[in-house]
């Protein structure tokens, strides 16, 4: 007996491939977004291009995940304010 009690068919394998591709594309987009401010700063000959590059990566992993709950709290407060 294996880990699952049914045979895998072509749709199961297609699902695994699509899921893998979604994960790869997600990480590619995150890497591109994290590197974008640094590339723009280097292209424009910014005097602090290395700091901008580092700030882009720090901002990606600190501001981006924390912004979603903040937006939701702001929307909830705005809705409460408009309801009065």
PDB file of N, CA and C in Angstrom:
ATOM      1  N   UNK A   1       0.849  -1.181   0.000  1.00  0.00           N
ATOM      2  CA  UNK A   1       0.000   0.000   0.000  1.00  0.00           C
ATOM      3  C   UNK A   1       0.890   1.238   0.000  1.00  0.00           C
ATOM      4  N   UNK A   2       0.567   2.179  -0.839  1.00  0.00           N
ATOM      5  CA  UNK A   2       1.346   3.394  -0.958  1.00  0.00           C
ATOM      6  C   UNK A   2       0.780   4.498  -0.086  1.00  0.00           C
ATOM      7  N   UNK A   3       1.189   5.709  -0.379  1.00  0.00           N
ATOM      8  CA  UNK A   3       0.715   6.860   0.373  1.00  0.00           C
ATOM      9  C   UNK A   3      -0.727   7.216   0.050  1.00  0.00           C
ATOM     10  N   UNK A   4      -1.157   6.904  -1.172  1.00  0.00           N
ATOM     11  CA  UNK A   4      -2.539   7.161  -1.562  1.00  0.00           C
ATOM     12  C   UNK A   4      -3.180   5.856  -2.015  1.00  0.00           C
ATOM     13  N   UNK A   5      -4.474   5.795  -1.925  1.00  0.00           N
ATOM     14  CA  UNK A   5      -5.154   4.540  -2.238  1.00  0.00           C
ATOM     15  C   UNK A   5      -5.808   4.536  -3.610  1.00  0.00           C
ATOM     16  N   UNK A   6      -5.323   5.365  -4.520  1.00  0.00           N
ATOM     17  CA  UNK A   6      -5.846   5.377  -5.884  1.00  0.00           C
ATOM     18  C   UNK A   6      -4.699   5.661  -6.845  1.00  0.00           C
ATOM     19  N   UNK A   7      -4.910   5.306  -8.085  1.00  0.00           N
ATOM     20  CA  UNK A   7      -3.894   5.530  -9.108  1.00  0.00           C
ATOM     21  C   UNK A   7      -3.976   6.962  -9.628  1.00  0.00           C
ATOM     22  N   UNK A   8      -2.826   7.521  -9.923  1.00  0.00           N
ATOM     23  CA  UNK A   8      -2.781   8.875 -10.481  1.00  0.00           C
ATOM     24  C   UNK A   8      -3.014   8.815 -11.979  1.00  0.00           C
ATOM     25  N   UNK A   9      -3.829   9.732 -12.473  1.00  0.00           N
ATOM     26  CA  UNK A   9      -4.044   9.795 -13.915  1.00  0.00           C
ATOM     27  C   UNK A   9      -3.424  11.068 -14.475  1.00  0.00           C
ATOM     28  N   UNK A  10      -3.691  11.355 -15.727  1.00  0.00           N
ATOM     29  CA  UNK A  10      -3.057  12.484 -16.405  1.00  0.00           C
ATOM     30  C   UNK A  10      -3.453  13.816 -15.782  1.00  0.00           C
ATOM     31  N   UNK A  11      -4.671  13.926 -15.254  1.00  0.00           N
ATOM     32  CA  UNK A  11      -5.115  15.170 -14.643  1.00  0.00           C
ATOM     33  C   UNK A  11      -4.361  15.465 -13.345  1.00  0.00           C
ATOM     34  N   UNK A  12      -4.029  14.429 -12.605  1.00  0.00           N
ATOM     35  CA  UNK A  12      -3.244  14.619 -11.386  1.00  0.00           C
ATOM     36  C   UNK A  12      -1.841  15.137 -11.716  1.00  0.00           C
ATOM     37  N   UNK A  13      -1.228  14.537 -12.717  1.00  0.00           N
ATOM     38  CA  UNK A  13       0.101  14.996 -13.119  1.00  0.00           C
ATOM     39  C   UNK A  13       0.052  16.418 -13.683  1.00  0.00           C
ATOM     40  N   UNK A  14      -0.991  16.728 -14.437  1.00  0.00           N
ATOM     41  CA  UNK A  14      -1.138  18.083 -14.965  1.00  0.00           C
ATOM     42  C   UNK A  14      -1.308  19.085 -13.823  1.00  0.00           C
ATOM     43  N   UNK A  15      -2.044  18.698 -12.786  1.00  0.00           N
ATOM     44  CA  UNK A  15      -2.212  19.563 -11.617  1.00  0.00           C
ATOM     45  C   UNK A  15      -0.879  19.824 -10.931  1.00  0.00           C
ATOM     46  N   UNK A  16      -0.059  18.794 -10.784  1.00  0.00           N
ATOM     47  CA  UNK A  16       1.254  18.959 -10.167  1.00  0.00           C
ATOM     48  C   UNK A  16       2.136  19.889 -10.989  1.00  0.00           C
ATOM     49  N   UNK A  17       2.076  19.756 -12.305  1.00  0.00           N
ATOM     50  CA  UNK A  17       2.890  20.603 -13.171  1.00  0.00           C
ATOM     51  C   UNK A  17       2.437  22.056 -13.080  1.00  0.00           C
ATOM     52  N   UNK A  18       1.116  22.283 -13.112  1.00  0.00           N
ATOM     53  CA  UNK A  18       0.592  23.641 -13.027  1.00  0.00           C
ATOM     54  C   UNK A  18       0.935  24.257 -11.666  1.00  0.00           C
ATOM     55  N   UNK A  19       0.790  23.506 -10.601  1.00  0.00           N
ATOM     56  CA  UNK A  19       1.130  24.007  -9.269  1.00  0.00           C
ATOM     57  C   UNK A  19       2.609  24.372  -9.184  1.00  0.00           C
ATOM     58  N   UNK A  20       3.462  23.538  -9.729  1.00  0.00           N
ATOM     59  CA  UNK A  20       4.893  23.824  -9.744  1.00  0.00           C
ATOM     60  C   UNK A  20       5.178  25.103 -10.526  1.00  0.00           C
ATOM     61  N   UNK A  21       4.532  25.266 -11.676  1.00  0.00           N
ATOM     62  CA  UNK A  21       4.751  26.456 -12.490  1.00  0.00           C
ATOM     63  C   UNK A  21       4.254  27.716 -11.787  1.00  0.00           C
ATOM     64  N   UNK A  22       3.144  27.623 -11.070  1.00  0.00           N
ATOM     65  CA  UNK A  22       2.628  28.771 -10.328  1.00  0.00           C
ATOM     66  C   UNK A  22       3.616  29.189  -9.245  1.00  0.00           C
ATOM     67  N   UNK A  23       4.192  28.230  -8.550  1.00  0.00           N
ATOM     68  CA  UNK A  23       5.171  28.539  -7.502  1.00  0.00           C
ATOM     69  C   UNK A  23       6.423  29.175  -8.110  1.00  0.00           C
ATOM     70  N   UNK A  24       6.891  28.643  -9.228  1.00  0.00           N
ATOM     71  CA  UNK A  24       8.082  29.188  -9.880  1.00  0.00           C
ATOM     72  C   UNK A  24       7.817  30.621 -10.363  1.00  0.00           C
ATOM     73  N   UNK A  25       6.665  30.862 -10.973  1.00  0.00           N
ATOM     74  CA  UNK A  25       6.326  32.202 -11.456  1.00  0.00           C
ATOM     75  C   UNK A  25       6.190  33.176 -10.288  1.00  0.00           C
ATOM     76  N   UNK A  26       5.587  32.730  -9.185  1.00  0.00           N
ATOM     77  CA  UNK A  26       5.459  33.590  -8.004  1.00  0.00           C
ATOM     78  C   UNK A  26       6.827  34.037  -7.498  1.00  0.00           C
ATOM     79  N   UNK A  27       7.764  33.096  -7.365  1.00  0.00           N
ATOM     80  CA  UNK A  27       9.086  33.463  -6.882  1.00  0.00           C
ATOM     81  C   UNK A  27       9.834  34.331  -7.892  1.00  0.00           C
ATOM     82  N   UNK A  28       9.628  34.095  -9.181  1.00  0.00           N
ATOM     83  CA  UNK A  28      10.252  34.934 -10.196  1.00  0.00           C
ATOM     84  C   UNK A  28       9.740  36.371 -10.090  1.00  0.00           C
ATOM     85  N   UNK A  29       8.446  36.540  -9.888  1.00  0.00           N
ATOM     86  CA  UNK A  29       7.873  37.879  -9.741  1.00  0.00           C
ATOM     87  C   UNK A  29       8.402  38.548  -8.481  1.00  0.00           C
ATOM     88  N   UNK A  30       8.503  37.821  -7.382  1.00  0.00           N
ATOM     89  CA  UNK A  30       9.014  38.401  -6.141  1.00  0.00           C
ATOM     90  C   UNK A  30      10.472  38.836  -6.289  1.00  0.00           C
ATOM     91  N   UNK A  31      11.271  38.024  -6.972  1.00  0.00           N
ATOM     92  CA  UNK A  31      12.677  38.388  -7.183  1.00  0.00           C
ATOM     93  C   UNK A  31      12.773  39.611  -8.088  1.00  0.00           C
ATOM     94  N   UNK A  32      11.939  39.664  -9.112  1.00  0.00           N
ATOM     95  CA  UNK A  32      11.947  40.816 -10.014  1.00  0.00           C
ATOM     96  C   UNK A  32      11.531  42.089  -9.285  1.00  0.00           C
ATOM     97  N   UNK A  33      10.494  42.007  -8.450  1.00  0.00           N
ATOM     98  CA  UNK A  33      10.049  43.181  -7.698  1.00  0.00           C
ATOM     99  C   UNK A  33      11.080  43.628  -6.671  1.00  0.00           C
ATOM    100  N   UNK A  34      11.758  42.681  -6.036  1.00  0.00           N
ATOM    101  CA  UNK A  34      12.772  43.042  -5.049  1.00  0.00           C
ATOM    102  C   UNK A  34      13.994  43.684  -5.664  1.00  0.00           C
ATOM    103  N   UNK A  35      14.294  43.322  -6.890  1.00  0.00           N
ATOM    104  CA  UNK A  35      15.491  43.831  -7.555  1.00  0.00           C
ATOM    105  C   UNK A  35      15.222  45.093  -8.370  1.00  0.00           C
ATOM    106  N   UNK A  36      13.964  45.408  -8.615  1.00  0.00           N
ATOM    107  CA  UNK A  36      13.613  46.529  -9.481  1.00  0.00           C
ATOM    108  C   UNK A  36      14.131  47.887  -8.999  1.00  0.00           C
ATOM    109  N   UNK A  37      13.955  48.278  -7.725  1.00  0.00           N
ATOM    110  CA  UNK A  37      14.474  49.592  -7.312  1.00  0.00           C
ATOM    111  C   UNK A  37      15.983  49.724  -7.479  1.00  0.00           C
ATOM    112  N   UNK A  38      16.709  48.660  -7.205  1.00  0.00           N
ATOM    113  CA  UNK A  38      18.159  48.704  -7.364  1.00  0.00           C
ATOM    114  C   UNK A  38      18.581  48.852  -8.807  1.00  0.00           C
ATOM    115  N   UNK A  39      17.893  48.140  -9.701  1.00  0.00           N
ATOM    116  CA  UNK A  39      18.220  48.253 -11.127  1.00  0.00           C
ATOM    117  C   UNK A  39      17.913  49.642 -11.659  1.00  0.00           C
ATOM    118  N   UNK A  40      16.785  50.208 -11.228  1.00  0.00           N
ATOM    119  CA  UNK A  40      16.450  51.566 -11.661  1.00  0.00           C
ATOM    120  C   UNK A  40      17.463  52.579 -11.141  1.00  0.00           C
ATOM    121  N   UNK A  41      17.892  52.401  -9.900  1.00  0.00           N
ATOM    122  CA  UNK A  41      18.874  53.327  -9.325  1.00  0.00           C
ATOM    123  C   UNK A  41      20.211  53.224 -10.045  1.00  0.00           C
ATOM    124  N   UNK A  42      20.632  52.019 -10.391  1.00  0.00           N
ATOM    125  CA  UNK A  42      21.894  51.865 -11.115  1.00  0.00           C
ATOM    126  C   UNK A  42      21.789  52.432 -12.524  1.00  0.00           C
ATOM    127  N   UNK A  43      20.650  52.238 -13.171  1.00  0.00           N
ATOM    128  CA  UNK A  43      20.475  52.751 -14.528  1.00  0.00           C
ATOM    129  C   UNK A  43      20.483  54.276 -14.551  1.00  0.00           C
ATOM    130  N   UNK A  44      19.962  54.900 -13.498  1.00  0.00           N
ATOM    131  CA  UNK A  44      19.910  56.365 -13.430  1.00  0.00           C
ATOM    132  C   UNK A  44      21.131  56.965 -12.730  1.00  0.00           C
ATOM    133  N   UNK A  45      22.130  56.130 -12.446  1.00  0.00           N
ATOM    134  CA  UNK A  45      23.379  56.565 -11.803  1.00  0.00           C
ATOM    135  C   UNK A  45      23.119  57.266 -10.478  1.00  0.00           C
ATOM    136  N   UNK A  46      22.268  56.684  -9.678  1.00  0.00           N
ATOM    137  CA  UNK A  46      21.969  57.241  -8.355  1.00  0.00           C
ATOM    138  C   UNK A  46      23.212  57.099  -7.473  1.00  0.00           C
ATOM    139  N   UNK A  47      23.546  58.123  -6.686  1.00  0.00           N
ATOM    140  CA  UNK A  47      24.767  58.038  -5.867  1.00  0.00           C
ATOM    141  C   UNK A  47      24.684  56.973  -4.769  1.00  0.00           C
ATOM    142  N   UNK A  48      23.492  56.582  -4.367  1.00  0.00           N
ATOM    143  CA  UNK A  48      23.336  55.574  -3.317  1.00  0.00           C
ATOM    144  C   UNK A  48      22.624  54.342  -3.862  1.00  0.00           C
ATOM    145  N   UNK A  49      23.067  53.864  -5.023  1.00  0.00           N
ATOM    146  CA  UNK A  49      22.389  52.757  -5.697  1.00  0.00           C
ATOM    147  C   UNK A  49      22.424  51.474  -4.865  1.00  0.00           C
ATOM    148  N   UNK A  50      23.522  51.225  -4.174  1.00  0.00           N
ATOM    149  CA  UNK A  50      23.601  50.015  -3.347  1.00  0.00           C
ATOM    150  C   UNK A  50      22.606  50.070  -2.195  1.00  0.00           C
ATOM    151  N   UNK A  51      22.443  51.235  -1.597  1.00  0.00           N
ATOM    152  CA  UNK A  51      21.474  51.382  -0.509  1.00  0.00           C
ATOM    153  C   UNK A  51      20.046  51.226  -1.018  1.00  0.00           C
ATOM    154  N   UNK A  52      19.778  51.736  -2.201  1.00  0.00           N
ATOM    155  CA  UNK A  52      18.450  51.598  -2.793  1.00  0.00           C
ATOM    156  C   UNK A  52      18.172  50.132  -3.087  1.00  0.00           C
ATOM    157  N   UNK A  53      19.191  49.413  -3.568  1.00  0.00           N
ATOM    158  CA  UNK A  53      19.028  47.991  -3.853  1.00  0.00           C
ATOM    159  C   UNK A  53      18.698  47.227  -2.570  1.00  0.00           C
ATOM    160  N   UNK A  54      19.439  47.508  -1.514  1.00  0.00           N
ATOM    161  CA  UNK A  54      19.183  46.853  -0.232  1.00  0.00           C
ATOM    162  C   UNK A  54      17.808  47.237   0.308  1.00  0.00           C
ATOM    163  N   UNK A  55      17.437  48.494   0.170  1.00  0.00           N
ATOM    164  CA  UNK A  55      16.127  48.947   0.622  1.00  0.00           C
ATOM    165  C   UNK A  55      14.994  48.281  -0.141  1.00  0.00           C
ATOM    166  N   UNK A  56      15.206  48.004  -1.412  1.00  0.00           N
ATOM    167  CA  UNK A  56      14.189  47.302  -2.192  1.00  0.00           C
ATOM    168  C   UNK A  56      13.930  45.905  -1.659  1.00  0.00           C
ATOM    169  N   UNK A  57      14.998  45.190  -1.310  1.00  0.00           N
ATOM    170  CA  UNK A  57      14.831  43.835  -0.766  1.00  0.00           C
ATOM    171  C   UNK A  57      14.223  43.867   0.627  1.00  0.00           C
ATOM    172  N   UNK A  58      14.675  44.794   1.458  1.00  0.00           N
ATOM    173  CA  UNK A  58      14.116  44.894   2.813  1.00  0.00           C
ATOM    174  C   UNK A  58      12.643  45.280   2.735  1.00  0.00           C
ATOM    175  N   UNK A  59      12.324  46.216   1.875  1.00  0.00           N
ATOM    176  CA  UNK A  59      10.941  46.635   1.727  1.00  0.00           C
ATOM    177  C   UNK A  59      10.040  45.537   1.208  1.00  0.00           C
ATOM    178  N   UNK A  60      10.575  44.704   0.326  1.00  0.00           N
ATOM    179  CA  UNK A  60       9.770  43.609  -0.224  1.00  0.00           C
ATOM    180  C   UNK A  60       9.351  42.647   0.868  1.00  0.00           C
ATOM    181  N   UNK A  61      10.249  42.332   1.778  1.00  0.00           N
ATOM    182  CA  UNK A  61       9.955  41.317   2.783  1.00  0.00           C
ATOM    183  C   UNK A  61       9.376  41.881   4.075  1.00  0.00           C
ATOM    184  N   UNK A  62       9.361  43.198   4.234  1.00  0.00           N
ATOM    185  CA  UNK A  62       8.781  43.750   5.453  1.00  0.00           C
ATOM    186  C   UNK A  62       7.510  44.543   5.193  1.00  0.00           C
ATOM    187  N   UNK A  63       7.522  45.402   4.201  1.00  0.00           N
ATOM    188  CA  UNK A  63       6.373  46.259   3.938  1.00  0.00           C
ATOM    189  C   UNK A  63       5.279  45.511   3.190  1.00  0.00           C
ATOM    190  N   UNK A  64       5.645  44.740   2.184  1.00  0.00           N
ATOM    191  CA  UNK A  64       4.644  44.071   1.355  1.00  0.00           C
ATOM    192  C   UNK A  64       3.766  43.110   2.151  1.00  0.00           C
ATOM    193  N   UNK A  65       4.306  42.192   2.971  1.00  0.00           N
ATOM    194  CA  UNK A  65       3.413  41.317   3.743  1.00  0.00           C
ATOM    195  C   UNK A  65       2.624  42.072   4.817  1.00  0.00           C
ATOM    196  N   UNK A  66       3.165  43.152   5.331  1.00  0.00           N
ATOM    197  CA  UNK A  66       2.480  43.885   6.378  1.00  0.00           C
ATOM    198  C   UNK A  66       1.475  44.895   5.872  1.00  0.00           C
ATOM    199  N   UNK A  67       1.498  45.166   4.576  1.00  0.00           N
ATOM    200  CA  UNK A  67       0.590  46.181   4.041  1.00  0.00           C
ATOM    201  C   UNK A  67      -0.832  45.665   3.888  1.00  0.00           C
ATOM    202  N   UNK A  68      -1.011  44.409   3.639  1.00  0.00           N
ATOM    203  CA  UNK A  68      -2.353  43.865   3.416  1.00  0.00           C
ATOM    204  C   UNK A  68      -3.239  44.002   4.651  1.00  0.00           C
ATOM    205  N   UNK A  69      -2.792  43.584   5.847  1.00  0.00           N
ATOM    206  CA  UNK A  69      -3.657  43.790   7.012  1.00  0.00           C
ATOM    207  C   UNK A  69      -3.894  45.273   7.310  1.00  0.00           C
ATOM    208  N   UNK A  70      -2.906  46.112   7.057  1.00  0.00           N
ATOM    209  CA  UNK A  70      -3.074  47.546   7.295  1.00  0.00           C
ATOM    210  C   UNK A  70      -4.132  48.151   6.398  1.00  0.00           C
ATOM    211  N   UNK A  71      -4.159  47.711   5.162  1.00  0.00           N
ATOM    212  CA  UNK A  71      -5.179  48.212   4.233  1.00  0.00           C
ATOM    213  C   UNK A  71      -6.552  47.767   4.693  1.00  0.00           C
ATOM    214  N   UNK A  72      -6.666  46.543   5.155  1.00  0.00           N
ATOM    215  CA  UNK A  72      -7.962  46.042   5.616  1.00  0.00           C
ATOM    216  C   UNK A  72      -8.452  46.800   6.843  1.00  0.00           C
ATOM    217  N   UNK A  73      -7.539  47.115   7.759  1.00  0.00           N
ATOM    218  CA  UNK A  73      -7.929  47.883   8.945  1.00  0.00           C
ATOM    219  C   UNK A  73      -8.373  49.280   8.525  1.00  0.00           C
ATOM    220  N   UNK A  74      -7.658  49.891   7.599  1.00  0.00           N
ATOM    221  CA  UNK A  74      -8.030  51.223   7.127  1.00  0.00           C
ATOM    222  C   UNK A  74      -9.405  51.197   6.464  1.00  0.00           C
ATOM    223  N   UNK A  75      -9.662  50.176   5.654  1.00  0.00           N
ATOM    224  CA  UNK A  75     -10.959  50.073   4.990  1.00  0.00           C
ATOM    225  C   UNK A  75     -12.080  49.875   5.996  1.00  0.00           C
ATOM    226  N   UNK A  76     -11.832  49.075   7.025  1.00  0.00           N
ATOM    227  CA  UNK A  76     -12.858  48.832   8.042  1.00  0.00           C
ATOM    228  C   UNK A  76     -13.146  50.120   8.808  1.00  0.00           C
ATOM    229  N   UNK A  77     -12.108  50.877   9.148  1.00  0.00           N
ATOM    230  CA  UNK A  77     -12.317  52.141   9.868  1.00  0.00           C
ATOM    231  C   UNK A  77     -13.026  53.160   8.989  1.00  0.00           C
ATOM    232  N   UNK A  78     -12.684  53.198   7.709  1.00  0.00           N
ATOM    233  CA  UNK A  78     -13.349  54.122   6.799  1.00  0.00           C
ATOM    234  C   UNK A  78     -14.817  53.759   6.644  1.00  0.00           C
ATOM    235  N   UNK A  79     -15.108  52.462   6.603  1.00  0.00           N
ATOM    236  CA  UNK A  79     -16.506  52.039   6.491  1.00  0.00           C
ATOM    237  C   UNK A  79     -17.281  52.399   7.737  1.00  0.00           C
ATOM    238  N   UNK A  80     -16.665  52.274   8.915  1.00  0.00           N
ATOM    239  CA  UNK A  80     -17.328  52.647  10.162  1.00  0.00           C
ATOM    240  C   UNK A  80     -17.563  54.154  10.203  1.00  0.00           C
ATOM    241  N   UNK A  81     -16.606  54.921   9.716  1.00  0.00           N
ATOM    242  CA  UNK A  81     -16.735  56.372   9.724  1.00  0.00           C
ATOM    243  C   UNK A  81     -17.864  56.819   8.775  1.00  0.00           C
ATOM    244  N   UNK A  82     -17.970  56.165   7.626  1.00  0.00           N
ATOM    245  CA  UNK A  82     -19.022  56.533   6.678  1.00  0.00           C
ATOM    246  C   UNK A  82     -20.399  56.098   7.150  1.00  0.00           C
ATOM    247  N   UNK A  83     -20.460  55.076   7.996  1.00  0.00           N
ATOM    248  CA  UNK A  83     -21.751  54.578   8.471  1.00  0.00           C
ATOM    249  C   UNK A  83     -22.368  55.506   9.501  1.00  0.00           C
ATOM    250  N   UNK A  84     -21.583  56.361  10.116  1.00  0.00           N
ATOM    251  CA  UNK A  84     -22.116  57.256  11.156  1.00  0.00           C
ATOM    252  C   UNK A  84     -22.980  58.333  10.613  1.00  0.00           C
TER     253      UNK A  84
END
